Amino acid sequence: MASLKDIQRKIKSVKNTQKTTRAMKLVSSAKLKRTEELAKKSKVYAHKLTELLNEIAQKMVSTNIEGLDMPYFKDMANPKVVDLIFITADKGLCGGFNAQTIKRVNALRKEYQANGVELRLRAIGRKGVDYFKFNRVDMIDQVAGLSSAPDFEKSSALIGQVVEDYLNGKTDKIVLVHNGYVNMITQEIRQAQVLPVDHTSLALNNTSTSELEVEPDNDNTLLEALVKKYIEYTIYYSLIDSLAAEHSARMQAMDSATNNAKDMVKSLSIKYNKARQEAITTELIEIISGMESMK
């Protein structure tokens, strides 16, 4: 049986942990509010960019303007090489946030391998990098520090290298996976095809009433610039979305840890009181026994 000092030491240790988890919850809550606001603003811009790209694509289809035969829009029925970009956190203590993303990546690995497709992993986030390094899975790209501090220039440079491989024929498809923010208590895995761009699945439909007019563009300068901006902002928004989900998951994890610590302190306190009562009772019995033996 543990001594009174051991139990007191455990109670003190748990209380210190409780203070830490409570502080981490408050920090994550504050960070979530800032990131959530940034995510909302970024989502509006991303939707407007998607609508514009879709509008131009639909106009080209309806007026038979060339442009959708660009490499950005050519989808291969049976891709031989697929680049999978996935985003995880740089830090832990956020429940199953990273595990869910890694689970989806592993499922895609099995699916593509079963179909004879070569999958090239591009990891963003230290936790994902560490997991696949530990399991000796090859990655052609490893980026740390970007998921915890999204930066448009850095993310654009990263996706620019991936797009260059796509245009040079080194890869046939680019897929992006991350754990996205739904609300303060919910996150969901999001999977998107970055390239080739599927204009049939974009936000608008063929019945758009926009007065936008698209004139022939022999070198597709406008469309190419718009597609590049669309791709760059897709990866940037995904980083922000993932960060908001990370803060949300960490806030929940720290809240659960704080409550568990509270329950543990309560349990240890009961255990301490019982042990103390037993010690007092034992001492009283010894004193009474001693007095009886002196009679």
Protein backbone atom coordinates (compact mmCIF):
# COMPACT_ATOMS: atom_id res chain seq x y z
CA MET A 1 0.00 0.00 0.00
CA ALA A 2 1.30 3.47 -0.90
CA SER A 3 2.41 5.67 1.99
CA LEU A 4 0.77 8.99 2.81
CA LYS A 5 3.78 10.88 1.44
CA ASP A 6 3.61 8.97 -1.87
CA ILE A 7 -0.09 9.79 -2.24
CA GLN A 8 0.54 13.46 -1.40
CA ARG A 9 3.31 13.52 -3.98
CA LYS A 10 0.98 12.07 -6.63
CA ILE A 11 -1.76 14.58 -5.81
CA LYS A 12 0.69 17.47 -6.14
CA SER A 13 1.99 16.10 -9.45
CA VAL A 14 -1.52 15.67 -10.89
CA LYS A 15 -2.51 19.18 -9.79
CA ASN A 16 0.54 20.62 -11.54
CA THR A 17 -0.39 18.70 -14.70
CA GLN A 18 -3.95 20.01 -14.37
CA LYS A 19 -2.66 23.60 -14.28
CA THR A 20 -0.62 22.95 -17.43
CA THR A 21 -3.48 21.37 -19.39
CA ARG A 22 -5.86 24.15 -18.33
CA ALA A 23 -3.36 26.77 -19.52
CA MET A 24 -2.86 24.92 -22.83
CA LYS A 25 -6.63 24.80 -23.32
CA LEU A 26 -6.88 28.57 -22.87
CA VAL A 27 -3.98 29.18 -25.26
CA SER A 28 -5.51 26.92 -27.91
CA SER A 29 -8.88 28.64 -27.45
CA ALA A 30 -7.32 32.07 -28.08
CA LYS A 31 -5.36 30.81 -31.10
CA LEU A 32 -8.47 29.13 -32.47
CA LYS A 33 -10.42 32.39 -32.46
CA ARG A 34 -7.72 34.14 -34.49
CA THR A 35 -7.25 31.25 -36.91
CA GLU A 36 -11.00 30.75 -37.28
CA GLU A 37 -11.41 34.38 -38.33
CA LEU A 38 -8.56 34.04 -40.84
CA ALA A 39 -10.08 30.81 -42.17
CA LYS A 40 -13.45 32.51 -42.73
CA LYS A 41 -11.87 35.35 -44.70
CA SER A 42 -9.69 32.95 -46.70
CA LYS A 43 -12.70 30.74 -47.46
CA VAL A 44 -14.56 33.68 -48.99
CA TYR A 45 -11.62 34.47 -51.27
CA ALA A 46 -11.16 30.80 -52.18
CA HIS A 47 -14.83 30.46 -53.11
CA LYS A 48 -14.75 33.60 -55.26
CA LEU A 49 -11.62 32.35 -57.03
CA THR A 50 -13.26 28.97 -57.62
CA GLU A 51 -16.39 30.63 -58.99
CA LEU A 52 -14.36 32.75 -61.40
CA LEU A 53 -12.36 29.76 -62.65
CA ASN A 54 -15.53 27.73 -63.04
CA GLU A 55 -17.28 30.56 -64.88
CA ILE A 56 -14.48 30.87 -67.40
CA ALA A 57 -14.32 27.09 -67.86
CA GLN A 58 -18.07 26.82 -68.41
CA LYS A 59 -18.02 29.70 -70.91
CA MET A 60 -15.25 27.95 -72.82
CA VAL A 61 -17.28 24.75 -72.94
CA SER A 62 -20.46 26.49 -74.11
CA THR A 63 -18.71 28.65 -76.74
CA ASN A 64 -16.20 25.97 -77.84
CA ILE A 65 -13.26 28.21 -76.97
CA GLU A 66 -10.01 26.30 -76.75
CA GLY A 67 -8.25 26.25 -73.42
CA LEU A 68 -9.63 23.25 -71.56
CA ASP A 69 -7.22 21.06 -73.51
CA MET A 70 -4.42 22.51 -71.37
CA PRO A 71 -2.46 20.04 -69.18
CA TYR A 72 -4.15 21.53 -66.11
CA PHE A 73 -7.51 20.10 -67.22
CA LYS A 74 -6.49 16.81 -68.87
CA ASP A 75 -7.55 13.96 -66.60
CA MET A 76 -5.98 10.54 -67.11
CA ALA A 77 -8.36 7.62 -66.66
CA ASN A 78 -5.59 5.38 -65.34
CA PRO A 79 -2.83 7.46 -63.71
CA LYS A 80 0.50 5.70 -63.30
CA VAL A 81 2.05 8.11 -60.77
CA VAL A 82 0.17 10.08 -58.10
CA ASP A 83 1.59 12.74 -55.79
CA LEU A 84 -0.14 12.76 -52.41
CA ILE A 85 0.30 15.91 -50.32
CA PHE A 86 -0.88 15.52 -46.74
CA ILE A 87 -0.92 17.98 -43.86
CA THR A 88 -0.38 17.10 -40.19
CA ALA A 89 0.54 19.19 -37.15
CA ASP A 90 4.06 20.05 -36.05
CA LYS A 91 3.09 19.35 -32.42
CA GLY A 92 1.15 16.69 -30.58
CA LEU A 93 -1.27 16.77 -27.63
CA CYS A 94 -4.24 17.22 -29.96
CA GLY A 95 -6.05 13.90 -29.56
CA GLY A 96 -6.55 11.87 -32.73
CA PHE A 97 -6.08 14.86 -35.05
CA ASN A 98 -2.89 13.57 -36.69
CA ALA A 99 -3.87 9.91 -36.45
CA GLN A 100 -6.97 10.48 -38.58
CA THR A 101 -4.97 12.09 -41.39
CA ILE A 102 -2.33 9.36 -41.29
CA LYS A 103 -5.07 6.73 -41.34
CA ARG A 104 -6.51 8.22 -44.56
CA VAL A 105 -3.04 8.40 -46.14
CA ASN A 106 -2.39 4.74 -45.32
CA ALA A 107 -5.77 3.79 -46.79
CA LEU A 108 -4.92 5.64 -50.01
CA ARG A 109 -1.51 3.97 -50.11
CA LYS A 110 -3.13 0.54 -50.01
CA GLU A 111 -5.72 1.54 -52.61
CA TYR A 112 -3.19 2.90 -55.10
CA GLN A 113 -0.76 0.02 -54.54
CA ALA A 114 -3.56 -2.47 -55.19
CA ASN A 115 -4.19 -0.74 -58.53
CA GLY A 116 -0.51 -0.72 -59.46
CA VAL A 117 -0.17 3.05 -59.10
CA GLU A 118 3.10 4.57 -57.87
CA LEU A 119 2.35 6.88 -54.94
CA ARG A 120 4.78 9.66 -54.06
CA LEU A 121 4.27 11.13 -50.58
CA ARG A 122 4.82 14.82 -49.84
CA ALA A 123 4.51 15.46 -46.09
CA ILE A 124 3.75 18.80 -44.46
CA GLY A 125 4.00 18.71 -40.67
CA ARG A 126 6.52 17.14 -38.33
CA LYS A 127 4.13 14.51 -36.92
CA GLY A 128 3.40 13.01 -40.32
CA VAL A 129 7.07 13.10 -41.26
CA ASP A 130 8.10 11.36 -38.02
CA TYR A 131 5.45 8.66 -38.42
CA PHE A 132 6.43 7.63 -41.94
CA LYS A 133 10.14 7.92 -41.16
CA PHE A 134 9.65 5.56 -38.22
CA ASN A 135 7.79 3.12 -40.47
CA ARG A 136 10.49 3.46 -43.16
CA VAL A 137 8.15 4.81 -45.82
CA ASP A 138 9.84 6.89 -48.51
CA MET A 139 8.81 10.52 -48.92
CA ILE A 140 10.01 12.79 -51.71
CA ASP A 141 9.21 15.95 -49.77
CA GLN A 142 9.29 16.71 -46.04
CA VAL A 143 8.27 20.13 -44.74
CA ALA A 144 8.23 21.13 -41.06
CA GLY A 145 7.10 24.43 -39.57
CA LEU A 146 4.64 25.34 -42.33
CA SER A 147 1.51 23.75 -40.86
CA SER A 148 1.96 25.59 -37.55
CA ALA A 149 2.56 28.93 -39.30
CA PRO A 150 0.94 29.01 -42.77
CA ASP A 151 2.75 31.28 -45.19
CA PHE A 152 1.45 32.00 -48.68
CA GLU A 153 4.87 32.46 -50.30
CA LYS A 154 6.30 29.26 -48.82
CA SER A 155 3.21 27.22 -49.66
CA SER A 156 3.22 28.65 -53.21
CA ALA A 157 6.86 27.66 -53.65
CA LEU A 158 6.06 24.16 -52.42
CA ILE A 159 3.08 23.62 -54.71
CA GLY A 160 5.02 25.24 -57.55
CA GLN A 161 7.56 22.40 -57.46
CA VAL A 162 4.76 19.82 -57.46
CA VAL A 163 3.01 21.51 -60.41
CA GLU A 164 6.30 21.59 -62.31
CA ASP A 165 6.63 17.82 -61.91
CA TYR A 166 3.06 17.47 -63.16
CA LEU A 167 3.66 19.61 -66.25
CA ASN A 168 6.89 17.72 -66.97
CA GLY A 169 5.04 14.41 -66.91
CA LYS A 170 6.67 13.07 -63.73
CA THR A 171 3.28 12.67 -62.08
CA ASP A 172 -0.23 12.23 -63.48
CA LYS A 173 -2.33 13.43 -60.56
CA ILE A 174 -1.95 15.54 -57.40
CA VAL A 175 -4.13 14.78 -54.37
CA LEU A 176 -4.32 16.81 -51.16
CA VAL A 177 -5.41 15.37 -47.79
CA HIS A 178 -5.84 17.25 -44.52
CA ASN A 179 -7.96 17.30 -41.39
CA GLY A 180 -10.30 20.28 -41.76
CA TYR A 181 -12.18 22.52 -39.34
CA VAL A 182 -15.97 22.19 -39.07
CA ASN A 183 -16.65 23.80 -35.70
CA MET A 184 -15.12 24.02 -32.23
CA ILE A 185 -15.85 20.36 -31.47
CA THR A 186 -15.72 18.73 -34.90
CA GLN A 187 -13.02 18.10 -37.50
CA GLU A 188 -13.29 16.08 -40.70
CA ILE A 189 -10.84 14.57 -43.17
CA ARG A 190 -10.88 16.40 -46.51
CA GLN A 191 -9.51 14.96 -49.72
CA ALA A 192 -9.25 17.03 -52.89
CA GLN A 193 -7.83 16.55 -56.37
CA VAL A 194 -5.56 19.52 -57.03
CA LEU A 195 -4.44 18.55 -60.53
CA PRO A 196 -5.77 18.00 -63.05
CA VAL A 197 -8.48 20.55 -62.28
CA ASP A 198 -11.92 19.00 -62.70
CA HIS A 199 -14.00 21.93 -63.99
CA THR A 200 -17.17 19.80 -63.91
CA SER A 201 -17.03 19.59 -60.11
CA LEU A 202 -16.39 23.26 -59.35
CA ALA A 203 -18.81 25.47 -57.45
CA LEU A 204 -21.05 26.86 -60.20
CA ASN A 205 -23.12 25.03 -62.79
CA ASN A 206 -23.95 25.45 -66.44
CA THR A 207 -26.99 27.62 -65.72
CA SER A 208 -24.96 30.55 -64.39
CA THR A 209 -26.46 33.92 -65.31
CA SER A 210 -23.21 35.86 -65.12
CA GLU A 211 -22.59 38.44 -67.86
CA LEU A 212 -18.93 37.50 -68.01
CA GLU A 213 -17.68 37.32 -71.61
CA VAL A 214 -14.68 35.21 -72.55
CA GLU A 215 -12.76 36.03 -75.72
CA PRO A 216 -10.33 33.63 -77.45
CA ASP A 217 -6.89 33.66 -75.87
CA ASN A 218 -4.40 31.99 -78.18
CA ASP A 219 -1.74 31.39 -75.52
CA ASN A 220 -4.23 30.85 -72.66
CA THR A 221 -2.42 33.48 -70.57
CA LEU A 222 -5.44 34.45 -68.48
CA LEU A 223 -6.64 30.92 -67.85
CA GLU A 224 -3.16 29.68 -66.94
CA ALA A 225 -2.59 32.56 -64.51
CA LEU A 226 -5.98 31.93 -62.92
CA VAL A 227 -5.37 28.20 -62.57
CA LYS A 228 -1.99 28.81 -60.92
CA LYS A 229 -3.55 31.25 -58.46
CA TYR A 230 -6.34 28.75 -57.78
CA ILE A 231 -3.85 25.97 -57.04
CA GLU A 232 -1.66 28.20 -54.85
CA TYR A 233 -4.58 29.36 -52.78
CA THR A 234 -5.98 25.84 -52.48
CA ILE A 235 -2.88 24.66 -50.62
CA TYR A 236 -2.69 27.86 -48.55
CA TYR A 237 -6.33 27.68 -47.47
CA SER A 238 -5.87 23.98 -46.61
CA LEU A 239 -3.00 24.92 -44.29
CA ILE A 240 -5.16 27.51 -42.51
CA ASP A 241 -8.10 25.11 -42.34
CA SER A 242 -5.86 22.41 -40.89
CA LEU A 243 -4.40 24.79 -38.29
CA ALA A 244 -7.87 25.82 -37.12
CA ALA A 245 -8.83 22.14 -36.81
CA GLU A 246 -5.60 21.46 -34.90
CA HIS A 247 -6.32 24.19 -32.33
CA SER A 248 -9.88 22.89 -32.00
CA ALA A 249 -8.68 19.33 -31.44
CA ARG A 250 -6.02 20.42 -28.94
CA MET A 251 -8.53 22.51 -27.01
CA GLN A 252 -10.80 19.46 -26.67
CA ALA A 253 -7.89 17.18 -25.74
CA MET A 254 -6.66 19.58 -23.04
CA ASP A 255 -10.19 20.01 -21.71
CA SER A 256 -10.53 16.23 -21.39
CA ALA A 257 -7.09 16.00 -19.76
CA THR A 258 -8.02 18.72 -17.26
CA ASN A 259 -11.25 16.93 -16.33
CA ASN A 260 -9.43 13.61 -16.01
CA ALA A 261 -6.84 15.24 -13.75
CA LYS A 262 -9.64 16.65 -11.60
CA ASP A 263 -11.17 13.18 -11.27
CA MET A 264 -7.79 11.69 -10.45
CA VAL A 265 -7.15 14.29 -7.72
CA LYS A 266 -10.54 13.49 -6.24
CA SER A 267 -9.79 9.74 -6.30
CA LEU A 268 -6.33 10.22 -4.77
CA SER A 269 -7.75 12.50 -2.08
CA ILE A 270 -10.23 9.80 -1.06
CA LYS A 271 -7.41 7.27 -1.04
CA TYR A 272 -5.27 9.62 1.07
CA ASN A 273 -8.06 10.20 3.60
CA LYS A 274 -8.67 6.45 3.93
CA ALA A 275 -4.95 5.77 4.41
CA ARG A 276 -4.73 8.57 6.97
CA GLN A 277 -7.77 7.26 8.82
CA GLU A 278 -6.28 3.76 8.84
CA ALA A 279 -2.98 5.12 10.19
CA ILE A 280 -4.76 6.99 12.99
CA THR A 281 -6.85 3.94 13.85
CA THR A 282 -3.72 1.77 13.97
CA GLU A 283 -1.97 4.23 16.29
CA LEU A 284 -4.97 4.34 18.61
CA ILE A 285 -5.12 0.55 18.73
CA GLU A 286 -1.41 0.38 19.57
CA ILE A 287 -1.81 2.95 22.35
CA ILE A 288 -4.81 1.15 23.85
CA SER A 289 -3.06 -2.19 23.57
CA GLY A 290 -0.01 -0.76 25.35
CA MET A 291 -2.11 0.65 28.15
CA GLU A 292 -3.93 -2.67 28.55
CA SER A 293 -0.66 -4.57 28.77
CA MET A 294 0.57 -2.28 31.59
CA LYS A 295 -2.40 -3.15 33.82
